[in-house]
Every structure is written in C-alpha cells, then in structure tokens.
Amino acid sequence: MAAPIVQVEHLYKRFGELEVLKGVNLAVAPREVLCLIGRSGSGKSTLLRCINFLEEPDAGTISVAGITVPAGERSGAHKRHLRELRERVGMVFQQFNLFPHKTVLENLIEAPLVVKRQQRESAVALAEALLAQVGLADKRDVYPSTLSGGQQQRVAIARALAMQPQVMLFDEPTSALDPELTGEVLEVMKNLARNGMTMLVVTHEMGFAREVADRVIFMDGGLFVEEGTPEQCLENPRDERTRRFLERVL
C-alpha cells in the first residue's frame, strides 16, 4: 500500500472557547478522493483550512507529499516549510476569489509567475491547456464579471491547478451556485478524479460523493463519527447521528 500523501495527526483547533477540531487523525492515499460530510459547524472546512495552514492549528502535525509542518512551530525553517507545503496543495473555495481587474488568463498565470517564477511563455501555455480542460478556452481574455458563477468556479479550479499541486482541497465548491450551474463544476471535478488527482472535498452533494468518492467521512462536533465507502456511509450508516443527517439532506 502506498504511503499517505496527506497525513494529519492529533489535530486540534479552537476559536476562543469553541473547540472545533478535537484530535483528528487522517491519512489520505495518493489518487484517493475523500468526501467530508456533516452539518455546518462540524469542523469540515476548518480541517481543510488547517491542512494548508490558512488556519493555524493549535496542536498536531500536518504532512503533505513529504513536507511535515507541526502546529505552533516557530523555527526559522517554518516559513520555508509552509511555502513548500502550500505549493503542493491547491484549494477551491465556496466563493470564487478571482481577481476582478485581471482577465481569466491573467488570473491563471499570476501565481506561477510570482510564486514559482515560471517563464511567462510556459505559464501561458499551461493556463491555456487548463482552460481547455475545464471547457473555457474561449474565455481566456475576458474579465470574471462577464462569466456565470459556474464558469467563474471552473476558472478558480483551473487557477488552482496552474500551480500543479499534488493534492486539491475543495471547500463546498458548488454551494454558492444555482442548481443548474452546479453540474458543470462537478463534471470538472469528476474528470480530475478520473485523471488521478488526490482530492479532499467538503460537500453537501451526496450524489457526487456516492459516484466519485473512494471514502466518505461524516464529521460531527469536531470528530470523525463514521467513515467508509460511499455505500457503507451513505446507504448503511451505523451511527445514529449519520442517519439523522442523511435523512435531512437526501
């Protein structure tokens, strides 16, 4: 069995008095698609944001693709380790967070040029290939405000992929979209999964989880309550909390 590409050990996170993550342990295999489900406030999004240190964990250790960063590290190497870890992780949010004053192409090449110091020619070539991959090759020179929400989210996915990450994190990527636009974004994500991208997805789209996930984890109160295949978790949940949640969303 391959070594995990993502490893989370004894992860704790609190906001003031509220303990949001209570000692979470997680190992994700290369090419695995993991869906995190649960009610709002259960800790799913916080877990994703801790994996790339958008939120600083209070305790625990995160490893991604061979880079290990312990919580609370203050050494001189900490910033370098964080940068190396983040270069291996792409993230797509509920809101698209595109630069409104830059064209679609400029949005995609910004990070490769600035962070990776890539040559402009190769950054543009990769960006054009990624736009074709998400079905938006004809939108390279337009501004985000001219795009639908679904198109903007597909650009956001392409922008994350432009850094050539080894792991993609998706935090409810369709929750800001009208139902008719959700399908086009999920289709891009299905293609990524088929092509072997390691993905951690916080989602309320149970159909997507059932079809694409290798594993589903139900979170409640900052803990993993239930995990298994989509069939186990979604069709035959053992825990009463999982059953109650699924009755509400299915």
Protein backbone atom coordinates (compact mmCIF):
# COMPACT_ATOMS: atom_id res chain seq x y z
CA MET A 1 0.00 0.00 0.00
CA ALA A 2 1.32 3.44 -0.95
CA ALA A 3 2.40 5.82 1.80
CA PRO A 4 -0.20 8.53 2.51
CA ILE A 5 0.19 11.72 0.51
CA VAL A 6 -1.72 13.61 3.25
CA GLN A 7 -1.26 12.74 6.92
CA VAL A 8 -2.96 14.60 9.78
CA GLU A 9 -2.07 13.58 13.33
CA HIS A 10 -3.73 14.64 16.60
CA LEU A 11 -5.07 17.88 15.12
CA TYR A 12 -6.72 20.34 17.49
CA LYS A 13 -8.17 23.75 16.67
CA ARG A 14 -10.20 26.13 18.78
CA PHE A 15 -11.70 29.56 18.20
CA GLY A 16 -11.86 31.20 21.61
CA GLU A 17 -13.85 28.89 23.87
CA LEU A 18 -15.10 26.76 20.97
CA GLU A 19 -13.06 23.63 20.25
CA VAL A 20 -13.68 22.96 16.55
CA LEU A 21 -11.29 20.04 15.96
CA LYS A 22 -10.72 17.55 18.76
CA GLY A 23 -7.70 15.42 17.96
CA VAL A 24 -8.39 14.44 14.35
CA ASN A 25 -6.25 11.78 12.65
CA LEU A 26 -6.41 11.30 8.89
CA ALA A 27 -4.38 9.51 6.21
CA VAL A 28 -5.18 10.02 2.52
CA ALA A 29 -3.64 7.78 -0.14
CA PRO A 30 -2.34 9.12 -3.47
CA ARG A 31 -5.16 9.36 -6.07
CA GLU A 32 -7.81 8.93 -3.35
CA VAL A 33 -11.00 11.03 -3.44
CA LEU A 34 -12.23 11.71 0.09
CA CYS A 35 -15.55 13.44 0.75
CA LEU A 36 -16.19 15.09 4.12
CA ILE A 37 -19.85 15.47 5.04
CA GLY A 38 -21.68 16.79 8.08
CA ARG A 39 -23.70 19.69 9.40
CA SER A 40 -22.43 23.27 9.29
CA GLY A 41 -20.07 23.85 12.19
CA SER A 42 -18.92 20.24 12.44
CA GLY A 43 -15.30 21.13 11.62
CA LYS A 44 -15.08 20.06 7.96
CA SER A 45 -13.98 23.39 6.46
CA THR A 46 -11.67 24.11 9.39
CA LEU A 47 -9.93 20.78 8.78
CA LEU A 48 -9.31 21.70 5.13
CA ARG A 49 -8.08 25.17 6.06
CA CYS A 50 -5.68 23.68 8.63
CA ILE A 51 -4.21 21.28 6.07
CA ASN A 52 -2.78 24.22 4.09
CA PHE A 53 -2.39 26.41 7.19
CA LEU A 54 -4.94 29.04 6.20
CA GLU A 55 -5.89 28.38 9.82
CA GLU A 56 -3.03 27.72 12.22
CA PRO A 57 -3.79 24.53 14.21
CA ASP A 58 -3.35 24.67 17.98
CA ALA A 59 -1.75 21.24 18.16
CA GLY A 60 -0.92 18.37 15.85
CA THR A 61 1.11 17.70 12.72
CA ILE A 62 0.27 18.02 9.02
CA SER A 63 2.23 16.25 6.28
CA VAL A 64 1.62 16.72 2.55
CA ALA A 65 3.72 14.98 -0.11
CA GLY A 66 6.71 14.57 2.18
CA ILE A 67 6.61 18.04 3.78
CA THR A 68 5.79 17.91 7.51
CA VAL A 69 4.76 21.01 9.46
CA PRO A 70 3.94 20.79 13.17
CA ALA A 71 1.46 23.22 14.71
CA GLY A 72 2.96 26.12 16.57
CA GLU A 73 6.40 25.76 15.00
CA ARG A 74 8.37 28.97 15.27
CA SER A 75 11.71 27.90 13.82
CA GLY A 76 13.49 29.75 11.04
CA ALA A 77 12.57 26.95 8.66
CA HIS A 78 8.84 27.27 9.40
CA LYS A 79 8.08 29.76 6.62
CA ARG A 80 10.01 27.70 4.10
CA HIS A 81 8.19 24.52 5.13
CA LEU A 82 4.84 26.33 4.88
CA ARG A 83 5.66 27.60 1.40
CA GLU A 84 6.75 24.13 0.26
CA LEU A 85 3.59 22.55 1.69
CA ARG A 86 1.29 25.15 0.10
CA GLU A 87 2.95 24.69 -3.30
CA ARG A 88 1.81 21.07 -3.16
CA VAL A 89 -1.82 21.92 -2.31
CA GLY A 90 -4.45 23.64 -4.44
CA MET A 91 -7.63 24.99 -2.83
CA VAL A 92 -11.01 25.95 -4.25
CA PHE A 93 -13.42 27.89 -2.04
CA GLN A 94 -17.18 28.49 -1.96
CA GLN A 95 -16.57 31.99 -3.27
CA PHE A 96 -14.51 32.16 -6.43
CA ASN A 97 -12.00 34.79 -5.22
CA LEU A 98 -10.90 35.71 -8.74
CA PHE A 99 -9.06 38.98 -9.31
CA PRO A 100 -11.79 41.15 -10.91
CA HIS A 101 -9.31 43.54 -12.57
CA LYS A 102 -7.42 40.73 -14.32
CA THR A 103 -8.53 38.67 -17.32
CA VAL A 104 -9.16 34.94 -16.96
CA LEU A 105 -5.70 34.19 -18.38
CA GLU A 106 -4.03 36.72 -16.08
CA ASN A 107 -5.79 35.13 -13.09
CA LEU A 108 -4.28 31.76 -14.02
CA ILE A 109 -0.69 32.87 -14.65
CA GLU A 110 -0.34 35.23 -11.65
CA ALA A 111 0.76 32.65 -9.06
CA PRO A 112 3.05 30.61 -11.35
CA LEU A 113 4.85 33.83 -12.39
CA VAL A 114 5.12 35.36 -8.91
CA VAL A 115 5.44 32.32 -6.62
CA LYS A 116 7.15 29.80 -8.88
CA ARG A 117 8.99 32.37 -11.01
CA GLN A 118 7.91 30.43 -14.07
CA GLN A 119 8.69 31.73 -17.56
CA ARG A 120 5.70 33.62 -18.94
CA GLU A 121 5.59 31.54 -22.11
CA SER A 122 5.30 28.23 -20.24
CA ALA A 123 2.82 29.69 -17.71
CA VAL A 124 0.57 30.88 -20.56
CA ALA A 125 0.80 27.52 -22.35
CA LEU A 126 -0.20 25.65 -19.19
CA ALA A 127 -3.01 28.14 -18.47
CA GLU A 128 -4.43 27.70 -21.98
CA ALA A 129 -4.29 23.91 -21.64
CA LEU A 130 -6.10 24.09 -18.28
CA LEU A 131 -8.79 26.42 -19.65
CA ALA A 132 -9.38 23.91 -22.44
CA GLN A 133 -9.58 21.16 -19.80
CA VAL A 134 -12.36 22.99 -17.93
CA GLY A 135 -14.17 23.93 -21.14
CA LEU A 136 -13.33 27.63 -21.15
CA ALA A 137 -10.65 28.01 -23.82
CA ASP A 138 -12.70 30.77 -25.48
CA LYS A 139 -12.79 32.86 -22.27
CA ARG A 140 -9.06 33.48 -21.82
CA ASP A 141 -9.22 37.24 -22.49
CA VAL A 142 -12.48 38.16 -20.74
CA TYR A 143 -12.93 39.50 -17.22
CA PRO A 144 -14.55 37.43 -14.44
CA SER A 145 -17.57 39.75 -14.21
CA THR A 146 -18.70 38.60 -17.66
CA LEU A 147 -18.84 34.94 -16.59
CA SER A 148 -21.58 32.93 -14.91
CA GLY A 149 -20.96 31.61 -11.41
CA GLY A 150 -20.30 28.14 -12.76
CA GLN A 151 -17.78 29.48 -15.25
CA GLN A 152 -16.06 31.53 -12.54
CA GLN A 153 -15.73 28.46 -10.35
CA ARG A 154 -14.27 26.47 -13.25
CA VAL A 155 -11.72 29.27 -13.73
CA ALA A 156 -10.96 29.07 -9.98
CA ILE A 157 -10.31 25.32 -10.33
CA ALA A 158 -8.04 25.92 -13.34
CA ARG A 159 -6.22 28.64 -11.40
CA ALA A 160 -5.54 26.23 -8.52
CA LEU A 161 -4.32 23.60 -10.99
CA ALA A 162 -1.95 26.11 -12.61
CA MET A 163 0.35 25.68 -9.60
CA GLN A 164 0.49 21.95 -10.46
CA PRO A 165 -0.47 20.78 -6.98
CA GLN A 166 -0.31 17.17 -5.86
CA VAL A 167 -3.45 17.49 -3.72
CA MET A 168 -6.65 19.50 -4.31
CA LEU A 169 -8.88 20.75 -1.49
CA PHE A 170 -12.47 21.74 -2.31
CA ASP A 171 -14.50 23.59 0.33
CA GLU A 172 -18.16 23.28 -0.74
CA PRO A 173 -17.28 24.42 -4.27
CA THR A 174 -20.90 24.41 -5.51
CA SER A 175 -22.72 25.89 -2.51
CA ALA A 176 -22.73 29.44 -3.97
CA LEU A 177 -24.08 28.25 -7.33
CA ASP A 178 -27.59 27.91 -8.73
CA PRO A 179 -28.54 24.24 -9.15
CA GLU A 180 -28.32 24.38 -12.96
CA LEU A 181 -24.69 25.60 -12.74
CA THR A 182 -23.62 23.02 -10.17
CA GLY A 183 -23.39 20.18 -12.70
CA GLU A 184 -20.73 21.83 -14.85
CA VAL A 185 -18.43 22.29 -11.86
CA LEU A 186 -19.00 18.75 -10.59
CA GLU A 187 -18.21 17.43 -14.07
CA VAL A 188 -14.79 19.14 -13.98
CA MET A 189 -14.16 17.60 -10.55
CA LYS A 190 -15.19 14.15 -11.80
CA ASN A 191 -12.68 14.46 -14.64
CA LEU A 192 -9.94 15.41 -12.17
CA ALA A 193 -10.78 12.32 -10.11
CA ARG A 194 -10.71 10.13 -13.22
CA ASN A 195 -7.27 11.52 -14.05
CA GLY A 196 -5.93 10.50 -10.64
CA MET A 197 -5.88 13.78 -8.69
CA THR A 198 -5.88 13.32 -4.91
CA MET A 199 -8.92 15.28 -3.67
CA LEU A 200 -10.41 16.19 -0.30
CA VAL A 201 -13.91 17.56 -0.84
CA VAL A 202 -16.23 19.16 1.70
CA THR A 203 -19.63 18.80 0.07
CA HIS A 204 -23.40 18.58 0.50
CA GLU A 205 -23.68 16.97 -2.94
CA MET A 206 -24.42 13.41 -1.89
CA GLY A 207 -24.80 12.25 -5.50
CA PHE A 208 -21.24 13.38 -6.20
CA ALA A 209 -19.96 11.66 -3.04
CA ARG A 210 -21.77 8.45 -3.96
CA GLU A 211 -20.43 8.44 -7.52
CA VAL A 212 -16.88 9.72 -7.14
CA ALA A 213 -15.61 9.26 -3.58
CA ASP A 214 -13.39 6.36 -2.60
CA ARG A 215 -14.15 7.15 1.03
CA VAL A 216 -16.68 9.27 2.91
CA ILE A 217 -16.19 10.67 6.41
CA PHE A 218 -19.10 12.05 8.45
CA MET A 219 -17.97 14.70 10.94
CA ASP A 220 -19.86 15.90 13.98
CA GLY A 221 -18.63 18.10 16.82
CA GLY A 222 -15.04 18.19 15.61
CA LEU A 223 -14.65 14.41 15.42
CA PHE A 224 -14.88 11.69 12.78
CA VAL A 225 -18.08 9.86 13.66
CA GLU A 226 -18.24 7.46 10.74
CA GLU A 227 -16.09 6.62 7.75
CA GLY A 228 -16.13 4.06 4.99
CA THR A 229 -17.03 3.57 1.36
CA PRO A 230 -19.90 5.68 -0.01
CA GLU A 231 -22.08 2.58 0.13
CA GLN A 232 -21.28 1.99 3.80
CA CYS A 233 -21.62 5.62 4.90
CA LEU A 234 -24.49 6.81 2.71
CA GLU A 235 -26.56 3.65 2.25
CA ASN A 236 -25.97 1.76 5.51
CA PRO A 237 -24.75 4.21 8.17
CA ARG A 238 -24.13 2.66 11.56
CA ASP A 239 -24.18 5.79 13.71
CA GLU A 240 -27.47 7.43 14.62
CA ARG A 241 -26.02 10.93 14.01
CA THR A 242 -25.09 9.97 10.44
CA ARG A 243 -28.56 8.54 9.84
CA ARG A 244 -30.26 11.71 11.11
CA PHE A 245 -28.03 13.92 8.94
CA LEU A 246 -28.68 11.87 5.82
CA GLU A 247 -32.44 11.91 6.41
CA ARG A 248 -32.29 15.70 6.24
CA VAL A 249 -30.11 16.02 3.13
CA LEU A 250 -31.17 13.09 0.94
